[in-house]
Amino acid sequence: MSTRRLLALIASVVGVIVAGTAIAVAAIGNGPVPRRESLAVAIHQALAAPAVTGISASISYTNNLIDATDFQGPTDPLLQGASGRLWLTDTPGDQQLRIELQTDNGDAQVVYDNGHFSIYDPAAGEAYEGTLPAMAHGAAHHRARAASADRIPSIAAITRALTRLSKHAVLSGAIPSDVGGQAAYTVKIAPERNGGLVGDLQLAWDAIRGIPLRIAIYAKGDTTPVLQLEATDISYGPVSSSVFDVSPPPGTRIIQLSVPTGAHKSSARARRAVARALPFTLDDPATSGGLARTSVGRLGRDGALLFYGHGLSGVAVLEQVSHGSATAAPAMRHGGFSIPTVSINGVSAQQLQTPLGTVLRFTRSGVAYTVIGSVTPATADAVARGL
């Protein structure tokens, strides 16, 4: 896929994660504020709250990965943000999510249905579909999930878990707050180390229902969220299954996505197994750009996924068979915004910088390389030149 579509897909996946774990209420109001509690107590109260089986809401999706001044042409809801609707069902054995972002050029749809996902991009006339591997457990997975719902961890157990988490992240504690007129607790989570360009994640949840109410991802040194999902007019209750029965319009190009499979270890045995299965010669130096290779695995049928470094400050490298010209320079424009180019060992490459990281793409000898990480362009370039 093009760099533009790759970025749109990343933003959409983040949107799915955001919507699957939180609903952001549009404005901070002057409503009630809960009593101050420790983070462990606030989390325990949320877990012990009566279950909410469904949510419906109006939403506004904000995406500041790319500066608005860089766009030309039709509005792209996945890359520029838009308003719309959200529906969520979460019961044992039935997890469904639909996000609809509305524009004059068509509505983008993000649908998750019990392990299967579909992302429709009206600007490109394409839909990305696939299955998440976690759902391979099927009914057994749902039974385990339902059983675990009856075992609320104690405050002591939550405290121990938070203590372990604090070794890797900085936690603010439960901050009493008012989100959209609802009494809520807010927590700020920042990486302790290897955080790349990510500043922190802020999450607020309903102090009474235990439902997350706000989530936002911030870049280092920036007080404006890079990605955020906001909602108003929230209603709780069952959602009809017909709401999730949506399909891309006729004529849409369907692209099947394969999640990484196979070994993801840096051992020589794992590397050889991946290399043998590929239709091209794998480029996987032990170090690249000063970062050590820490994992290697399959990516679909004809690709590999490598990782250099550790944590969010590491860099992922995707190597796949190129379906275009082996030597053609990437286009300067993709769907309305310009992408700068740089030279990587004599090959023209697209380099897209965002507040949360860098995406670098180039084609060499029939292989398409994508270097992506929460790093500066200089780091991404160094890793690419080392391949």
Protein backbone atom coordinates (compact mmCIF):
# COMPACT_ATOMS: atom_id res chain seq x y z
CA MET A 1 0.00 0.00 0.00
CA SER A 2 1.10 3.61 -0.41
CA THR A 3 2.66 5.54 2.45
CA ARG A 4 -0.54 7.55 2.72
CA ARG A 5 -2.63 4.43 3.10
CA LEU A 6 -0.14 2.91 5.51
CA LEU A 7 -0.40 5.98 7.73
CA ALA A 8 -4.19 5.95 7.46
CA LEU A 9 -4.22 2.31 8.50
CA ILE A 10 -1.98 3.02 11.51
CA ALA A 11 -4.26 5.87 12.55
CA SER A 12 -7.31 3.64 12.11
CA VAL A 13 -5.84 0.83 14.19
CA VAL A 14 -5.02 3.34 16.92
CA GLY A 15 -8.61 4.52 16.64
CA VAL A 16 -9.88 0.98 17.11
CA ILE A 17 -7.71 0.58 20.20
CA VAL A 18 -8.88 3.92 21.54
CA ALA A 19 -12.54 3.15 20.93
CA GLY A 20 -12.26 -0.41 22.22
CA THR A 21 -10.85 0.75 25.54
CA ALA A 22 -12.31 4.21 26.03
CA ILE A 23 -14.97 6.73 25.06
CA ALA A 24 -13.81 10.34 25.23
CA VAL A 25 -16.43 12.88 26.27
CA ALA A 26 -16.30 16.10 24.30
CA ALA A 27 -15.78 18.69 27.00
CA ILE A 28 -14.75 19.05 30.59
CA GLY A 29 -17.71 20.52 32.38
CA ASN A 30 -18.62 21.75 35.84
CA GLY A 31 -20.26 18.59 37.08
CA PRO A 32 -19.56 16.47 40.15
CA VAL A 33 -16.05 15.38 41.14
CA PRO A 34 -15.57 12.07 43.00
CA ARG A 35 -13.81 11.79 46.34
CA ARG A 36 -10.06 11.38 46.25
CA GLU A 37 -8.95 7.75 46.26
CA SER A 38 -5.73 5.87 45.61
CA LEU A 39 -5.26 4.60 42.07
CA ALA A 40 -5.67 1.00 43.24
CA VAL A 41 -8.99 1.76 44.96
CA ALA A 42 -10.28 3.73 41.97
CA ILE A 43 -9.43 0.86 39.61
CA HIS A 44 -11.02 -1.69 41.95
CA GLN A 45 -14.23 0.33 42.05
CA ALA A 46 -14.28 0.51 38.26
CA LEU A 47 -13.79 -3.24 37.89
CA ALA A 48 -16.48 -3.97 40.46
CA ALA A 49 -19.06 -1.67 38.85
CA PRO A 50 -22.09 -3.27 37.16
CA ALA A 51 -21.32 -4.32 33.59
CA VAL A 52 -22.40 -2.10 30.71
CA THR A 53 -23.37 -4.26 27.75
CA GLY A 54 -23.54 -1.59 25.07
CA ILE A 55 -22.73 2.02 24.24
CA SER A 56 -23.96 4.42 21.55
CA ALA A 57 -22.50 7.88 21.08
CA SER A 58 -21.77 10.73 18.73
CA ILE A 59 -18.03 11.17 18.25
CA SER A 60 -15.39 13.54 17.00
CA TYR A 61 -12.11 11.94 15.95
CA THR A 62 -9.01 14.16 16.00
CA ASN A 63 -5.85 13.21 14.13
CA ASN A 64 -2.90 15.60 14.28
CA LEU A 65 -0.31 13.21 12.88
CA ILE A 66 0.02 15.41 9.78
CA ASP A 67 -0.24 19.21 9.72
CA ALA A 68 -3.50 20.36 8.15
CA THR A 69 -1.61 22.78 5.88
CA ASP A 70 0.01 19.81 4.10
CA PHE A 71 -3.32 18.57 2.73
CA GLN A 72 -4.79 19.41 -0.64
CA GLY A 73 -7.91 18.08 -2.32
CA PRO A 74 -10.79 16.06 -0.78
CA THR A 75 -11.07 15.59 2.96
CA ASP A 76 -9.71 12.29 4.29
CA PRO A 77 -11.49 11.42 7.57
CA LEU A 78 -8.90 8.82 8.58
CA LEU A 79 -5.98 11.23 8.25
CA GLN A 80 -7.61 14.57 9.00
CA GLY A 81 -10.25 13.58 11.52
CA ALA A 82 -14.03 13.95 11.35
CA SER A 83 -17.22 13.65 13.36
CA GLY A 84 -19.53 10.66 13.34
CA ARG A 85 -21.02 7.89 15.44
CA LEU A 86 -19.81 5.00 17.57
CA TRP A 87 -21.50 1.78 18.67
CA LEU A 88 -20.03 -0.83 21.00
CA THR A 89 -21.29 -4.19 22.29
CA ASP A 90 -19.30 -6.05 24.94
CA THR A 91 -20.85 -9.19 26.37
CA PRO A 92 -19.37 -12.66 26.95
CA GLY A 93 -18.93 -14.20 23.53
CA ASP A 94 -19.92 -11.05 21.65
CA GLN A 95 -17.55 -8.10 21.17
CA GLN A 96 -18.46 -5.70 18.38
CA LEU A 97 -17.41 -2.16 17.53
CA ARG A 98 -18.35 0.24 14.75
CA ILE A 99 -16.90 3.71 14.19
CA GLU A 100 -18.40 5.85 11.43
CA LEU A 101 -16.61 9.05 10.40
CA GLN A 102 -18.74 11.25 8.16
CA THR A 103 -17.55 13.58 5.37
CA ASP A 104 -19.00 15.04 2.18
CA ASN A 105 -16.83 12.59 0.23
CA GLY A 106 -18.18 9.46 1.93
CA ASP A 107 -18.18 7.85 5.36
CA ALA A 108 -15.17 5.97 6.67
CA GLN A 109 -16.09 2.82 8.57
CA VAL A 110 -14.05 0.92 11.14
CA VAL A 111 -15.77 -2.33 12.17
CA TYR A 112 -14.62 -4.99 14.61
CA ASP A 113 -16.76 -8.12 14.90
CA ASN A 114 -15.57 -10.88 17.25
CA GLY A 115 -12.01 -11.00 15.95
CA HIS A 116 -12.61 -9.84 12.38
CA PHE A 117 -11.94 -6.25 11.38
CA SER A 118 -12.69 -4.07 8.36
CA ILE A 119 -11.48 -0.53 7.69
CA TYR A 120 -13.15 1.25 4.78
CA ASP A 121 -11.37 4.30 3.37
CA PRO A 122 -13.70 6.35 1.11
CA ALA A 123 -10.88 8.64 -0.06
CA ALA A 124 -9.06 5.69 -1.64
CA GLY A 125 -12.06 3.47 -2.42
CA GLU A 126 -10.37 0.66 -0.50
CA ALA A 127 -11.20 -1.58 2.45
CA TYR A 128 -8.66 -3.41 4.61
CA GLU A 129 -9.87 -6.66 6.16
CA GLY A 130 -8.32 -9.27 8.39
CA THR A 131 -8.57 -11.42 11.52
CA LEU A 132 -6.82 -10.91 14.83
CA PRO A 133 -4.96 -14.02 16.11
CA ALA A 134 -6.24 -13.64 19.67
CA MET A 135 -9.65 -14.85 18.52
CA ALA A 136 -8.25 -18.23 17.48
CA HIS A 137 -9.20 -19.52 20.93
CA GLY A 138 -12.85 -19.20 19.90
CA ALA A 139 -15.44 -20.30 22.43
CA ALA A 140 -12.77 -21.29 24.96
CA HIS A 141 -11.46 -17.74 24.90
CA HIS A 142 -14.91 -16.32 25.58
CA ARG A 143 -15.59 -18.78 28.40
CA ALA A 144 -12.30 -17.84 30.04
CA ARG A 145 -13.13 -14.16 29.65
CA ALA A 146 -16.58 -14.63 31.18
CA ALA A 147 -15.15 -16.62 34.08
CA SER A 148 -12.49 -14.04 34.80
CA ALA A 149 -15.16 -11.32 34.96
CA ASP A 150 -16.43 -12.91 38.17
CA ARG A 151 -13.01 -12.71 39.81
CA ILE A 152 -12.40 -9.04 40.60
CA PRO A 153 -8.80 -8.62 41.79
CA SER A 154 -8.38 -7.33 45.30
CA ILE A 155 -7.02 -3.88 46.08
CA ALA A 156 -3.81 -5.55 47.30
CA ALA A 157 -3.45 -7.45 44.01
CA ILE A 158 -4.04 -4.26 42.00
CA THR A 159 -1.47 -2.45 44.14
CA ARG A 160 1.12 -5.13 43.39
CA ALA A 161 0.36 -4.90 39.67
CA LEU A 162 0.72 -1.11 39.74
CA THR A 163 4.03 -1.48 41.56
CA ARG A 164 5.30 -3.72 38.77
CA LEU A 165 3.98 -1.31 36.15
CA SER A 166 5.70 1.64 37.85
CA LYS A 167 9.06 0.06 37.00
CA HIS A 168 8.31 0.73 33.34
CA ALA A 169 6.00 3.76 33.41
CA VAL A 170 5.37 6.92 35.40
CA LEU A 171 1.84 6.94 36.85
CA SER A 172 0.08 10.07 38.07
CA GLY A 173 -2.35 8.32 40.41
CA ALA A 174 -6.14 8.75 40.28
CA ILE A 175 -6.93 12.43 39.73
CA PRO A 176 -10.53 13.33 40.69
CA SER A 177 -12.04 15.09 37.69
CA ASP A 178 -15.22 16.01 35.87
CA VAL A 179 -15.42 14.74 32.28
CA GLY A 180 -18.45 15.84 30.32
CA GLY A 181 -20.43 16.37 33.49
CA GLN A 182 -19.60 12.90 34.81
CA ALA A 183 -17.65 12.26 38.01
CA ALA A 184 -14.45 10.64 36.80
CA TYR A 185 -10.90 9.66 37.67
CA THR A 186 -8.05 10.53 35.34
CA VAL A 187 -4.64 8.87 35.18
CA LYS A 188 -1.59 9.96 33.18
CA ILE A 189 0.81 7.24 32.02
CA ALA A 190 4.25 8.09 30.61
CA PRO A 191 7.02 5.66 29.57
CA GLU A 192 9.82 5.38 32.14
CA ARG A 193 12.39 4.60 29.43
CA ASN A 194 12.55 3.67 25.74
CA GLY A 195 9.49 5.82 25.14
CA GLY A 196 10.53 7.21 21.78
CA LEU A 197 8.64 10.40 20.92
CA VAL A 198 5.58 9.47 22.98
CA GLY A 199 4.93 11.85 25.87
CA ASP A 200 2.05 10.28 27.75
CA LEU A 201 -1.37 8.72 27.52
CA GLN A 202 -4.25 10.19 29.52
CA LEU A 203 -7.23 8.07 30.44
CA ALA A 204 -10.35 9.01 32.38
CA TRP A 205 -13.15 6.69 33.46
CA ASP A 206 -16.61 7.04 34.95
CA ALA A 207 -16.28 6.81 38.73
CA ILE A 208 -19.72 5.16 39.01
CA ARG A 209 -20.03 2.89 35.97
CA GLY A 210 -16.33 2.13 35.55
CA ILE A 211 -16.57 2.92 31.82
CA PRO A 212 -13.53 4.77 30.41
CA LEU A 213 -14.56 8.27 29.33
CA ARG A 214 -11.54 9.92 27.80
CA ILE A 215 -8.30 8.87 26.15
CA ALA A 216 -5.64 10.94 24.41
CA ILE A 217 -2.10 10.31 23.19
CA TYR A 218 0.45 13.13 23.49
CA ALA A 219 3.87 13.66 21.97
CA LYS A 220 6.79 14.76 24.14
CA GLY A 221 6.69 18.46 24.95
CA ASP A 222 3.23 18.98 23.42
CA THR A 223 0.08 19.83 25.37
CA THR A 224 -2.21 19.14 22.40
CA PRO A 225 -3.15 15.49 21.84
CA VAL A 226 -1.92 13.91 18.63
CA LEU A 227 -4.75 11.37 18.55
CA GLN A 228 -8.02 11.63 20.43
CA LEU A 229 -11.55 10.27 20.24
CA GLU A 230 -14.27 12.44 21.73
CA ALA A 231 -17.93 11.61 22.24
CA THR A 232 -21.17 13.31 23.23
CA ASP A 233 -24.72 12.12 23.74
CA ILE A 234 -23.59 8.85 25.27
CA SER A 235 -26.29 6.29 25.98
CA TYR A 236 -25.82 2.94 27.71
CA GLY A 237 -27.75 -0.18 26.85
CA PRO A 238 -28.02 -3.04 24.33
CA VAL A 239 -27.13 -2.25 20.71
CA SER A 240 -28.89 -4.06 17.86
CA SER A 241 -26.67 -6.52 16.00
CA SER A 242 -27.89 -5.00 12.71
CA VAL A 243 -25.87 -1.87 13.50
CA PHE A 244 -22.67 -3.82 12.87
CA ASP A 245 -23.92 -5.41 9.64
CA VAL A 246 -22.22 -3.00 7.21
CA SER A 247 -20.26 -3.68 4.02
CA PRO A 248 -18.09 -1.51 1.75
CA PRO A 249 -19.87 -0.02 -1.29
CA PRO A 250 -19.85 -1.99 -4.56
CA GLY A 251 -16.62 -1.55 -6.48
CA THR A 252 -14.48 -1.14 -3.38
CA ARG A 253 -11.04 -2.70 -3.67
CA ILE A 254 -10.70 -5.25 -0.84
CA ILE A 255 -7.20 -5.69 0.62
CA GLN A 256 -6.64 -8.65 2.92
CA LEU A 257 -4.21 -7.97 5.75
CA SER A 258 -2.16 -10.70 7.43
CA VAL A 259 -0.88 -10.17 10.94
CA PRO A 260 2.71 -11.22 11.73
CA THR A 261 3.05 -14.97 12.27
CA GLY A 262 5.81 -17.37 13.21
CA ALA A 263 8.78 -16.83 15.46
CA HIS A 264 9.68 -13.37 16.69
CA LYS A 265 13.06 -14.05 18.22
CA SER A 266 16.55 -12.94 17.36
CA SER A 267 17.96 -16.49 17.41
CA ALA A 268 19.84 -17.75 14.37
CA ARG A 269 17.35 -20.61 14.05
CA ALA A 270 14.38 -18.25 13.92
CA ARG A 271 16.15 -16.07 11.38
CA ARG A 272 16.92 -19.01 9.11
CA ALA A 273 13.33 -20.28 9.26
CA VAL A 274 11.99 -16.88 8.18
CA ALA A 275 14.63 -16.42 5.48
CA ARG A 276 13.89 -19.83 3.92
CA ALA A 277 10.19 -19.02 3.60
CA LEU A 278 10.67 -15.73 1.75
CA PRO A 279 10.78 -15.32 -2.05
CA PHE A 280 13.61 -12.78 -1.70
CA THR A 281 16.88 -12.45 0.20
CA LEU A 282 16.24 -11.19 3.72
CA ASP A 283 18.17 -8.08 4.78
CA ASP A 284 18.58 -8.44 8.54
CA PRO A 285 21.98 -7.20 9.77
CA ALA A 286 22.69 -7.85 13.47
CA THR A 287 22.87 -4.09 14.02
CA SER A 288 21.57 -1.19 11.96
CA GLY A 289 21.79 2.50 12.71
CA GLY A 290 23.45 1.70 16.02
CA LEU A 291 20.50 -0.45 17.17
CA ALA A 292 20.74 -4.19 17.75
CA ARG A 293 18.30 -6.55 16.04
CA THR A 294 16.01 -7.96 18.75
CA SER A 295 13.44 -9.97 16.77
CA VAL A 296 12.62 -11.35 13.33
CA GLY A 297 9.38 -12.96 12.16
CA ARG A 298 7.04 -13.56 9.24
CA LEU A 299 4.67 -10.91 7.92
CA GLY A 300 1.92 -12.53 5.90
CA ARG A 301 2.93 -14.86 3.07
CA ASP A 302 5.67 -12.87 1.40
CA GLY A 303 7.07 -10.55 4.03
CA ALA A 304 9.22 -10.27 7.13
CA LEU A 305 9.02 -8.08 10.21
CA LEU A 306 12.22 -7.16 12.04
CA PHE A 307 12.70 -5.06 15.15
CA TYR A 308 15.77 -3.10 16.17
CA GLY A 309 16.22 -1.66 19.65
CA HIS A 310 13.84 -1.85 22.59
CA GLY A 311 10.43 -0.51 23.51
CA LEU A 312 8.88 2.51 21.85
CA SER A 313 12.32 3.88 21.04
CA GLY A 314 12.96 0.89 18.79
CA VAL A 315 12.41 0.67 15.04
CA ALA A 316 10.36 -1.87 13.08
CA VAL A 317 11.42 -2.87 9.56
CA LEU A 318 8.92 -4.44 7.15
CA GLU A 319 10.33 -6.18 4.09
CA GLN A 320 7.85 -7.32 1.44
CA VAL A 321 7.72 -8.22 -2.22
CA SER A 322 7.23 -5.04 -4.25
CA HIS A 323 4.31 -5.15 -6.66
CA GLY A 324 5.53 -2.09 -8.56
CA SER A 325 8.69 -1.15 -10.38
CA ALA A 326 11.85 -2.31 -8.66
CA THR A 327 13.65 0.95 -9.35
CA ALA A 328 10.93 3.58 -9.66
CA ALA A 329 11.20 6.51 -7.26
CA PRO A 330 8.18 6.95 -4.97
CA ALA A 331 5.65 9.56 -6.02
CA MET A 332 5.95 12.97 -4.39
CA ARG A 333 2.20 13.18 -3.79
CA HIS A 334 -0.30 10.74 -2.35
CA GLY A 335 -3.98 11.57 -2.18
CA GLY A 336 -3.69 15.27 -1.48
CA PHE A 337 -0.57 15.76 0.63
CA SER A 338 3.11 15.98 -0.17
CA ILE A 339 5.68 13.51 1.15
CA PRO A 340 9.34 14.60 1.22
CA THR A 341 11.95 12.32 -0.30
CA VAL A 342 15.47 11.49 0.85
CA SER A 343 18.26 9.37 -0.59
CA ILE A 344 18.96 6.01 1.05
CA ASN A 345 22.16 4.58 -0.36
CA GLY A 346 21.36 6.08 -3.75
CA VAL A 347 17.68 5.04 -3.74
CA SER A 348 14.90 7.62 -3.52
CA ALA A 349 12.78 7.10 -0.40
CA GLN A 350 9.66 8.72 1.04
CA GLN A 351 10.14 10.09 4.53
CA LEU A 352 7.08 11.11 6.52
CA GLN A 353 7.64 12.73 9.91
CA THR A 354 4.86 12.96 12.51
CA PRO A 355 4.80 14.11 16.15
CA LEU A 356 4.81 10.46 17.26
CA GLY A 357 7.44 9.11 14.89
CA THR A 358 8.74 8.59 11.37
CA VAL A 359 7.72 6.39 8.44
CA LEU A 360 10.33 5.75 5.73
CA ARG A 361 9.60 3.78 2.53
CA PHE A 362 11.75 2.75 -0.42
CA THR A 363 12.03 -0.03 -3.00
CA ARG A 364 15.25 -1.84 -3.86
CA SER A 365 15.80 -4.89 -6.07
CA GLY A 366 12.13 -5.82 -6.08
CA VAL A 367 11.73 -5.55 -2.30
CA ALA A 368 9.68 -2.83 -0.57
CA TYR A 369 11.12 -1.64 2.73
CA THR A 370 9.13 0.23 5.39
CA VAL A 371 11.01 1.60 8.38
CA ILE A 372 8.71 2.85 11.12
CA GLY A 373 9.22 3.88 14.72
CA SER A 374 8.61 6.49 17.39
CA VAL A 375 11.96 8.02 16.46
CA THR A 376 13.37 11.07 14.69
CA PRO A 377 13.93 11.06 10.92
CA ALA A 378 17.69 10.87 11.53
CA THR A 379 17.33 7.58 13.45
CA ALA A 380 14.96 6.09 10.86
CA ASP A 381 17.34 7.11 8.05
CA ALA A 382 20.31 5.54 9.86
CA VAL A 383 18.49 2.22 10.27
CA ALA A 384 17.42 2.24 6.61
CA ARG A 385 20.98 2.93 5.42
CA GLY A 386 22.22 0.01 7.48
CA LEU A 387 20.02 -2.53 5.66
